[in-house]
Amino acid sequence: MAEYKDWGADEISLGPAIMPLEQYNDGFEPSTIPAYNMYHPENMVQIESARQLQDDRACTWLYGALVLNPNGKVSPCCAVPSEQHDFGSFAPGDKFFDVWNNDKFKRARRLFVEWAKLPAATAKDDTGNGSGDHLVDGMSVMGARALTDKELICQKCPIPYLQNYTDPIVAEVVQDTIQGIFKGDSVGTRVRSLLHYLLMGAPAIGSLAQRGKNSLVWRLSSRSSARPSDPARRKAA
């Protein structure tokens, strides 16, 4: 493993493995070491997932990023397991905001508002059943398969531990925009940077940076020279 130093990295960090589908599980078992077993209750993934599922704050993927796949399909995050759970499609000539603000994206954003209004014991019900919608941990392979035709992938979140993934990314963009306001190489650059900042809602860089530092992705990436790898995307069977 010493080759990573030849690549120019200071250290290398290995994340826990995602177990394969049931029919391919023969000969595979999760690691007995909690740090390399994402299903172990002491693993950071489980700890962060529990924290996120108790948080009323909306998933930042829905406001800070989307995933455009090679076939033009648009996913709300990098962990959508199959095309049937995508939120739309995008092709050259299409208007970005027609996708970004389509019905599924709006429904997903409203879900978090509705969940925040529910009593904690009801909103965090781990069955996903009962009256109303619930945010549940869908990190298991079967999570997405249990969705009904009317449910969104967000209702059984496949990566609850990365719901604030975009915080450090947005914080970096805000910081660059603010620098452009004060240090732009021309008046036009400074004006554009100011307009960009206002259109973003004039976010406070301090609070964004702090939320980013509290996130699992920040803690992992701060220990390694590379970002943690995104969960693999699988085609619908």
C-alpha atoms as a PDB file:
ATOM      1  CA  MET A   1       0.000   0.000   0.000  1.00  0.00           C
ATOM      2  CA  ALA A   2       3.036   2.293   0.152  1.00  0.00           C
ATOM      3  CA  GLU A   3       2.486   3.243  -3.499  1.00  0.00           C
ATOM      4  CA  TYR A   4       0.097   6.016  -2.494  1.00  0.00           C
ATOM      5  CA  LYS A   5       3.071   8.122  -1.382  1.00  0.00           C
ATOM      6  CA  ASP A   6       4.533   7.787  -4.881  1.00  0.00           C
ATOM      7  CA  TRP A   7       1.222   9.193  -6.166  1.00  0.00           C
ATOM      8  CA  GLY A   8       1.752  12.314  -4.058  1.00  0.00           C
ATOM      9  CA  ALA A   9      -0.806  11.502  -1.334  1.00  0.00           C
ATOM     10  CA  ASP A  10       0.023  11.991   2.344  1.00  0.00           C
ATOM     11  CA  GLU A  11      -2.164   9.108   3.466  1.00  0.00           C
ATOM     12  CA  ILE A  12      -4.812   6.721   2.196  1.00  0.00           C
ATOM     13  CA  SER A  13      -8.168   5.998   3.786  1.00  0.00           C
ATOM     14  CA  LEU A  14     -10.226   2.906   2.965  1.00  0.00           C
ATOM     15  CA  GLY A  15     -13.973   3.101   3.404  1.00  0.00           C
ATOM     16  CA  PRO A  16     -16.204   0.199   4.443  1.00  0.00           C
ATOM     17  CA  ALA A  17     -17.440  -2.155   1.725  1.00  0.00           C
ATOM     18  CA  ILE A  18     -21.067  -2.239   0.616  1.00  0.00           C
ATOM     19  CA  MET A  19     -22.248  -5.852   0.693  1.00  0.00           C
ATOM     20  CA  PRO A  20     -23.405  -7.288  -2.659  1.00  0.00           C
ATOM     21  CA  LEU A  21     -26.915  -8.378  -3.530  1.00  0.00           C
ATOM     22  CA  GLU A  22     -28.224 -11.380  -1.636  1.00  0.00           C
ATOM     23  CA  GLN A  23     -27.743 -13.887  -4.428  1.00  0.00           C
ATOM     24  CA  TYR A  24     -24.055 -12.935  -4.651  1.00  0.00           C
ATOM     25  CA  ASN A  25     -23.351 -13.037  -0.912  1.00  0.00           C
ATOM     26  CA  ASP A  26     -21.785 -16.512  -0.850  1.00  0.00           C
ATOM     27  CA  GLY A  27     -18.290 -16.254   0.575  1.00  0.00           C
ATOM     28  CA  PHE A  28     -18.703 -12.601   1.613  1.00  0.00           C
ATOM     29  CA  GLU A  29     -19.153 -11.288   5.127  1.00  0.00           C
ATOM     30  CA  PRO A  30     -18.809  -7.757   6.571  1.00  0.00           C
ATOM     31  CA  SER A  31     -15.537  -7.029   8.328  1.00  0.00           C
ATOM     32  CA  THR A  32     -15.310  -7.764  12.045  1.00  0.00           C
ATOM     33  CA  ILE A  33     -13.516  -4.416  12.444  1.00  0.00           C
ATOM     34  CA  PRO A  34     -16.134  -1.664  13.072  1.00  0.00           C
ATOM     35  CA  ALA A  35     -14.185   0.934  11.059  1.00  0.00           C
ATOM     36  CA  TYR A  36     -14.481  -1.242   7.934  1.00  0.00           C
ATOM     37  CA  ASN A  37     -18.016  -2.520   8.509  1.00  0.00           C
ATOM     38  CA  MET A  38     -20.592   0.124   7.541  1.00  0.00           C
ATOM     39  CA  TYR A  39     -23.338  -2.018   9.093  1.00  0.00           C
ATOM     40  CA  HIS A  40     -21.718  -2.076  12.541  1.00  0.00           C
ATOM     41  CA  PRO A  41     -23.444   0.223  15.084  1.00  0.00           C
ATOM     42  CA  GLU A  42     -20.076   1.780  16.002  1.00  0.00           C
ATOM     43  CA  ASN A  43     -19.189   2.650  12.407  1.00  0.00           C
ATOM     44  CA  MET A  44     -19.244   6.370  11.526  1.00  0.00           C
ATOM     45  CA  VAL A  45     -21.776   5.670   8.764  1.00  0.00           C
ATOM     46  CA  GLN A  46     -24.287   4.281  11.269  1.00  0.00           C
ATOM     47  CA  ILE A  47     -23.630   7.036  13.816  1.00  0.00           C
ATOM     48  CA  GLU A  48     -24.048   9.791  11.228  1.00  0.00           C
ATOM     49  CA  SER A  49     -27.115   8.107   9.730  1.00  0.00           C
ATOM     50  CA  ALA A  50     -28.820   8.058  13.120  1.00  0.00           C
ATOM     51  CA  ARG A  51     -27.981  11.734  13.614  1.00  0.00           C
ATOM     52  CA  GLN A  52     -29.297  12.736  10.196  1.00  0.00           C
ATOM     53  CA  LEU A  53     -32.517  10.757  10.633  1.00  0.00           C
ATOM     54  CA  GLN A  54     -33.175  12.716  13.830  1.00  0.00           C
ATOM     55  CA  ASP A  55     -32.413  16.060  12.171  1.00  0.00           C
ATOM     56  CA  ASP A  56     -35.271  18.177  10.804  1.00  0.00           C
ATOM     57  CA  ARG A  57     -32.986  19.925   8.337  1.00  0.00           C
ATOM     58  CA  ALA A  58     -33.634  19.187   4.666  1.00  0.00           C
ATOM     59  CA  CYS A  59     -31.232  17.060   2.648  1.00  0.00           C
ATOM     60  CA  THR A  60     -28.796  19.471   1.010  1.00  0.00           C
ATOM     61  CA  TRP A  61     -28.545  17.401  -2.183  1.00  0.00           C
ATOM     62  CA  LEU A  62     -32.014  18.694  -3.073  1.00  0.00           C
ATOM     63  CA  TYR A  63     -30.781  22.295  -2.951  1.00  0.00           C
ATOM     64  CA  GLY A  64     -27.082  22.140  -3.789  1.00  0.00           C
ATOM     65  CA  ALA A  65     -26.511  19.423  -6.406  1.00  0.00           C
ATOM     66  CA  LEU A  66     -27.988  16.918  -8.807  1.00  0.00           C
ATOM     67  CA  VAL A  67     -26.504  13.942 -10.645  1.00  0.00           C
ATOM     68  CA  LEU A  68     -26.580  13.904 -14.461  1.00  0.00           C
ATOM     69  CA  ASN A  69     -25.965  10.358 -15.661  1.00  0.00           C
ATOM     70  CA  PRO A  70     -24.339   9.474 -19.022  1.00  0.00           C
ATOM     71  CA  ASN A  71     -27.736   8.583 -20.515  1.00  0.00           C
ATOM     72  CA  GLY A  72     -29.177  11.997 -19.616  1.00  0.00           C
ATOM     73  CA  LYS A  73     -31.217  10.743 -16.658  1.00  0.00           C
ATOM     74  CA  VAL A  74     -31.203  13.048 -13.622  1.00  0.00           C
ATOM     75  CA  SER A  75     -30.908  11.629 -10.106  1.00  0.00           C
ATOM     76  CA  PRO A  76     -31.401  13.620  -6.906  1.00  0.00           C
ATOM     77  CA  CYS A  77     -28.178  12.154  -5.470  1.00  0.00           C
ATOM     78  CA  CYS A  78     -25.346   9.758  -6.331  1.00  0.00           C
ATOM     79  CA  ALA A  79     -26.920   6.759  -4.587  1.00  0.00           C
ATOM     80  CA  VAL A  80     -30.135   6.291  -6.586  1.00  0.00           C
ATOM     81  CA  PRO A  81     -30.031   2.541  -7.305  1.00  0.00           C
ATOM     82  CA  SER A  82     -31.970   2.379 -10.575  1.00  0.00           C
ATOM     83  CA  GLU A  83     -33.359   4.556 -13.349  1.00  0.00           C
ATOM     84  CA  GLN A  84     -36.932   4.029 -12.236  1.00  0.00           C
ATOM     85  CA  HIS A  85     -36.183   6.205  -9.184  1.00  0.00           C
ATOM     86  CA  ASP A  86     -34.649   9.080 -11.173  1.00  0.00           C
ATOM     87  CA  PHE A  87     -36.298  12.503 -11.065  1.00  0.00           C
ATOM     88  CA  GLY A  88     -36.230  13.291 -14.771  1.00  0.00           C
ATOM     89  CA  SER A  89     -33.986  13.606 -17.800  1.00  0.00           C
ATOM     90  CA  PHE A  90     -31.931  16.346 -19.409  1.00  0.00           C
ATOM     91  CA  ALA A  91     -30.838  16.787 -23.010  1.00  0.00           C
ATOM     92  CA  PRO A  92     -28.905  19.504 -24.887  1.00  0.00           C
ATOM     93  CA  GLY A  93     -31.203  22.462 -25.385  1.00  0.00           C
ATOM     94  CA  ASP A  94     -33.343  21.730 -22.324  1.00  0.00           C
ATOM     95  CA  LYS A  95     -33.687  24.379 -19.639  1.00  0.00           C
ATOM     96  CA  PHE A  96     -31.930  23.430 -16.419  1.00  0.00           C
ATOM     97  CA  PHE A  97     -34.578  24.893 -14.132  1.00  0.00           C
ATOM     98  CA  ASP A  98     -37.319  22.911 -15.879  1.00  0.00           C
ATOM     99  CA  VAL A  99     -35.668  19.821 -14.396  1.00  0.00           C
ATOM    100  CA  TRP A 100     -34.362  21.384 -11.175  1.00  0.00           C
ATOM    101  CA  ASN A 101     -37.839  22.583 -10.241  1.00  0.00           C
ATOM    102  CA  ASN A 102     -39.906  19.776 -11.718  1.00  0.00           C
ATOM    103  CA  ASP A 103     -42.672  18.023  -9.792  1.00  0.00           C
ATOM    104  CA  LYS A 104     -40.474  15.316  -8.246  1.00  0.00           C
ATOM    105  CA  PHE A 105     -37.839  17.747  -6.983  1.00  0.00           C
ATOM    106  CA  LYS A 106     -40.537  19.964  -5.487  1.00  0.00           C
ATOM    107  CA  ARG A 107     -42.256  16.980  -3.874  1.00  0.00           C
ATOM    108  CA  ALA A 108     -38.973  15.796  -2.369  1.00  0.00           C
ATOM    109  CA  ARG A 109     -38.242  19.229  -0.893  1.00  0.00           C
ATOM    110  CA  ARG A 110     -41.758  19.464   0.546  1.00  0.00           C
ATOM    111  CA  LEU A 111     -41.340  16.088   2.217  1.00  0.00           C
ATOM    112  CA  PHE A 112     -38.712  17.456   4.580  1.00  0.00           C
ATOM    113  CA  VAL A 113     -40.971  20.374   5.504  1.00  0.00           C
ATOM    114  CA  GLU A 114     -43.789  17.939   6.269  1.00  0.00           C
ATOM    115  CA  TRP A 115     -41.536  15.605   8.283  1.00  0.00           C
ATOM    116  CA  ALA A 116     -40.281  18.507  10.376  1.00  0.00           C
ATOM    117  CA  LYS A 117     -43.851  19.221  11.494  1.00  0.00           C
ATOM    118  CA  LEU A 118     -44.480  15.655  12.676  1.00  0.00           C
ATOM    119  CA  PRO A 119     -43.875  14.549  16.288  1.00  0.00           C
ATOM    120  CA  ALA A 120     -40.417  12.992  16.596  1.00  0.00           C
ATOM    121  CA  ALA A 121     -41.721   9.508  17.456  1.00  0.00           C
ATOM    122  CA  THR A 122     -43.997   9.530  14.405  1.00  0.00           C
ATOM    123  CA  ALA A 123     -41.675  11.211  11.931  1.00  0.00           C
ATOM    124  CA  LYS A 124     -38.849   8.780  12.605  1.00  0.00           C
ATOM    125  CA  ASP A 125     -40.928   5.600  12.456  1.00  0.00           C
ATOM    126  CA  ASP A 126     -38.635   2.938  11.002  1.00  0.00           C
ATOM    127  CA  THR A 127     -41.320   1.066   9.092  1.00  0.00           C
ATOM    128  CA  GLY A 128     -42.305   3.790   6.654  1.00  0.00           C
ATOM    129  CA  ASN A 129     -45.933   2.810   7.257  1.00  0.00           C
ATOM    130  CA  GLY A 130     -48.795   4.481   9.059  1.00  0.00           C
ATOM    131  CA  SER A 131     -50.437   7.819   8.453  1.00  0.00           C
ATOM    132  CA  GLY A 132     -48.377  10.221   6.399  1.00  0.00           C
ATOM    133  CA  ASP A 133     -44.866   9.955   4.969  1.00  0.00           C
ATOM    134  CA  HIS A 134     -41.726   9.210   6.956  1.00  0.00           C
ATOM    135  CA  LEU A 135     -37.999   9.574   6.427  1.00  0.00           C
ATOM    136  CA  VAL A 136     -36.508   6.131   6.949  1.00  0.00           C
ATOM    137  CA  ASP A 137     -33.109   4.530   6.511  1.00  0.00           C
ATOM    138  CA  GLY A 138     -33.115   2.808   3.123  1.00  0.00           C
ATOM    139  CA  MET A 139     -29.415   1.968   3.150  1.00  0.00           C
ATOM    140  CA  SER A 140     -30.066  -1.754   2.785  1.00  0.00           C
ATOM    141  CA  VAL A 141     -30.153  -3.245  -0.717  1.00  0.00           C
ATOM    142  CA  MET A 142     -33.879  -3.953  -0.398  1.00  0.00           C
ATOM    143  CA  GLY A 143     -34.751  -0.409   0.693  1.00  0.00           C
ATOM    144  CA  ALA A 144     -35.441   0.972  -2.775  1.00  0.00           C
ATOM    145  CA  ARG A 145     -37.244  -2.215  -3.855  1.00  0.00           C
ATOM    146  CA  ALA A 146     -39.777  -1.655  -1.085  1.00  0.00           C
ATOM    147  CA  LEU A 147     -40.872   1.668  -2.570  1.00  0.00           C
ATOM    148  CA  THR A 148     -44.347   1.946  -4.012  1.00  0.00           C
ATOM    149  CA  ASP A 149     -44.930   3.570  -7.405  1.00  0.00           C
ATOM    150  CA  LYS A 150     -46.019   6.803  -5.697  1.00  0.00           C
ATOM    151  CA  GLU A 151     -43.074   7.023  -3.279  1.00  0.00           C
ATOM    152  CA  LEU A 152     -39.839   8.913  -3.953  1.00  0.00           C
ATOM    153  CA  ILE A 153     -36.393   7.467  -3.287  1.00  0.00           C
ATOM    154  CA  CYS A 154     -35.949  10.189  -0.630  1.00  0.00           C
ATOM    155  CA  GLN A 155     -38.577   8.495   1.523  1.00  0.00           C
ATOM    156  CA  LYS A 156     -36.184   5.580   2.029  1.00  0.00           C
ATOM    157  CA  CYS A 157     -32.917   7.486   1.823  1.00  0.00           C
ATOM    158  CA  PRO A 158     -30.080   5.247   0.526  1.00  0.00           C
ATOM    159  CA  ILE A 159     -27.371   7.471   2.003  1.00  0.00           C
ATOM    160  CA  PRO A 160     -28.708   9.211   5.146  1.00  0.00           C
ATOM    161  CA  TYR A 161     -25.115   9.645   6.340  1.00  0.00           C
ATOM    162  CA  LEU A 162     -24.435  11.922   3.339  1.00  0.00           C
ATOM    163  CA  GLN A 163     -27.532  14.118   3.465  1.00  0.00           C
ATOM    164  CA  ASN A 164     -25.327  17.140   4.139  1.00  0.00           C
ATOM    165  CA  TYR A 165     -22.761  16.161   1.488  1.00  0.00           C
ATOM    166  CA  THR A 166     -23.150  19.410  -0.430  1.00  0.00           C
ATOM    167  CA  ASP A 167     -22.564  21.724   2.557  1.00  0.00           C
ATOM    168  CA  PRO A 168     -18.761  21.894   2.191  1.00  0.00           C
ATOM    169  CA  ILE A 169     -19.127  22.139  -1.607  1.00  0.00           C
ATOM    170  CA  VAL A 170     -21.572  25.051  -1.388  1.00  0.00           C
ATOM    171  CA  ALA A 171     -19.403  26.692   1.298  1.00  0.00           C
ATOM    172  CA  GLU A 172     -16.435  26.574  -1.078  1.00  0.00           C
ATOM    173  CA  VAL A 173     -18.482  28.125  -3.905  1.00  0.00           C
ATOM    174  CA  VAL A 174     -19.715  30.877  -1.563  1.00  0.00           C
ATOM    175  CA  GLN A 175     -16.168  31.585  -0.420  1.00  0.00           C
ATOM    176  CA  ASP A 176     -14.937  31.852  -4.021  1.00  0.00           C
ATOM    177  CA  THR A 177     -17.878  34.133  -4.864  1.00  0.00           C
ATOM    178  CA  ILE A 178     -17.148  36.440  -1.936  1.00  0.00           C
ATOM    179  CA  GLN A 179     -13.492  36.615  -2.980  1.00  0.00           C
ATOM    180  CA  GLY A 180     -14.660  37.549  -6.461  1.00  0.00           C
ATOM    181  CA  ILE A 181     -16.664  40.458  -5.017  1.00  0.00           C
ATOM    182  CA  PHE A 182     -13.664  41.980  -3.265  1.00  0.00           C
ATOM    183  CA  LYS A 183     -10.725  40.712  -5.324  1.00  0.00           C
ATOM    184  CA  GLY A 184     -12.113  40.389  -8.848  1.00  0.00           C
ATOM    185  CA  ASP A 185      -9.710  41.481 -11.593  1.00  0.00           C
ATOM    186  CA  SER A 186     -12.313  43.824 -13.100  1.00  0.00           C
ATOM    187  CA  VAL A 187     -15.430  45.754 -12.187  1.00  0.00           C
ATOM    188  CA  GLY A 188     -17.495  43.383 -14.333  1.00  0.00           C
ATOM    189  CA  THR A 189     -16.171  40.343 -12.461  1.00  0.00           C
ATOM    190  CA  ARG A 190     -16.973  41.932  -9.099  1.00  0.00           C
ATOM    191  CA  VAL A 191     -20.497  42.875 -10.161  1.00  0.00           C
ATOM    192  CA  ARG A 192     -21.167  39.374 -11.494  1.00  0.00           C
ATOM    193  CA  SER A 193     -19.829  37.837  -8.289  1.00  0.00           C
ATOM    194  CA  LEU A 194     -22.092  40.081  -6.229  1.00  0.00           C
ATOM    195  CA  LEU A 195     -25.119  39.127  -8.329  1.00  0.00           C
ATOM    196  CA  HIS A 196     -24.239  35.423  -7.997  1.00  0.00           C
ATOM    197  CA  TYR A 197     -23.977  35.817  -4.225  1.00  0.00           C
ATOM    198  CA  LEU A 198     -27.345  37.555  -3.999  1.00  0.00           C
ATOM    199  CA  LEU A 199     -29.000  34.964  -6.244  1.00  0.00           C
ATOM    200  CA  MET A 200     -27.697  32.258  -3.892  1.00  0.00           C
ATOM    201  CA  GLY A 201     -29.621  33.949  -1.099  1.00  0.00           C
ATOM    202  CA  ALA A 202     -26.568  35.674   0.433  1.00  0.00           C
ATOM    203  CA  PRO A 203     -25.625  32.618   2.550  1.00  0.00           C
ATOM    204  CA  ALA A 204     -23.439  33.113   5.605  1.00  0.00           C
ATOM    205  CA  ILE A 205     -20.084  31.470   4.899  1.00  0.00           C
ATOM    206  CA  GLY A 206     -19.462  30.869   8.609  1.00  0.00           C
ATOM    207  CA  SER A 207     -22.546  28.747   9.203  1.00  0.00           C
ATOM    208  CA  LEU A 208     -22.045  26.841   5.946  1.00  0.00           C
ATOM    209  CA  ALA A 209     -18.433  26.078   6.810  1.00  0.00           C
ATOM    210  CA  GLN A 210     -19.365  24.937  10.308  1.00  0.00           C
ATOM    211  CA  ARG A 211     -22.125  22.643   9.005  1.00  0.00           C
ATOM    212  CA  GLY A 212     -19.628  21.277   6.510  1.00  0.00           C
ATOM    213  CA  LYS A 213     -17.117  20.508   9.241  1.00  0.00           C
ATOM    214  CA  ASN A 214     -19.799  18.693  11.204  1.00  0.00           C
ATOM    215  CA  SER A 215     -20.575  16.411   8.275  1.00  0.00           C
ATOM    216  CA  LEU A 216     -19.267  12.892   7.790  1.00  0.00           C
ATOM    217  CA  VAL A 217     -17.921  13.649   4.313  1.00  0.00           C
ATOM    218  CA  TRP A 218     -15.807  16.522   5.690  1.00  0.00           C
ATOM    219  CA  ARG A 219     -14.395  14.362   8.470  1.00  0.00           C
ATOM    220  CA  LEU A 220     -13.530  11.590   6.044  1.00  0.00           C
ATOM    221  CA  SER A 221     -12.024  13.811   3.356  1.00  0.00           C
ATOM    222  CA  SER A 222      -9.999  15.767   5.918  1.00  0.00           C
ATOM    223  CA  ARG A 223      -8.187  12.510   6.742  1.00  0.00           C
ATOM    224  CA  SER A 224      -7.437  11.691   3.133  1.00  0.00           C
ATOM    225  CA  SER A 225      -6.209  13.526   0.057  1.00  0.00           C
ATOM    226  CA  ALA A 226      -9.180  12.222  -1.936  1.00  0.00           C
ATOM    227  CA  ARG A 227     -12.936  12.583  -1.536  1.00  0.00           C
ATOM    228  CA  PRO A 228     -14.742   9.463  -0.383  1.00  0.00           C
ATOM    229  CA  SER A 229     -15.991   7.446  -3.319  1.00  0.00           C
ATOM    230  CA  ASP A 230     -19.648   7.731  -4.229  1.00  0.00           C
ATOM    231  CA  PRO A 231     -21.858   4.669  -3.864  1.00  0.00           C
ATOM    232  CA  ALA A 232     -22.063   2.650  -7.068  1.00  0.00           C
ATOM    233  CA  ARG A 233     -25.065   3.259  -9.298  1.00  0.00           C
ATOM    234  CA  ARG A 234     -26.888   0.144 -10.399  1.00  0.00           C
ATOM    235  CA  LYS A 235     -29.194  -0.249 -13.391  1.00  0.00           C
ATOM    236  CA  ALA A 236     -32.689  -1.510 -12.768  1.00  0.00           C
ATOM    237  CA  ALA A 237     -32.885  -5.266 -13.080  1.00  0.00           C
END
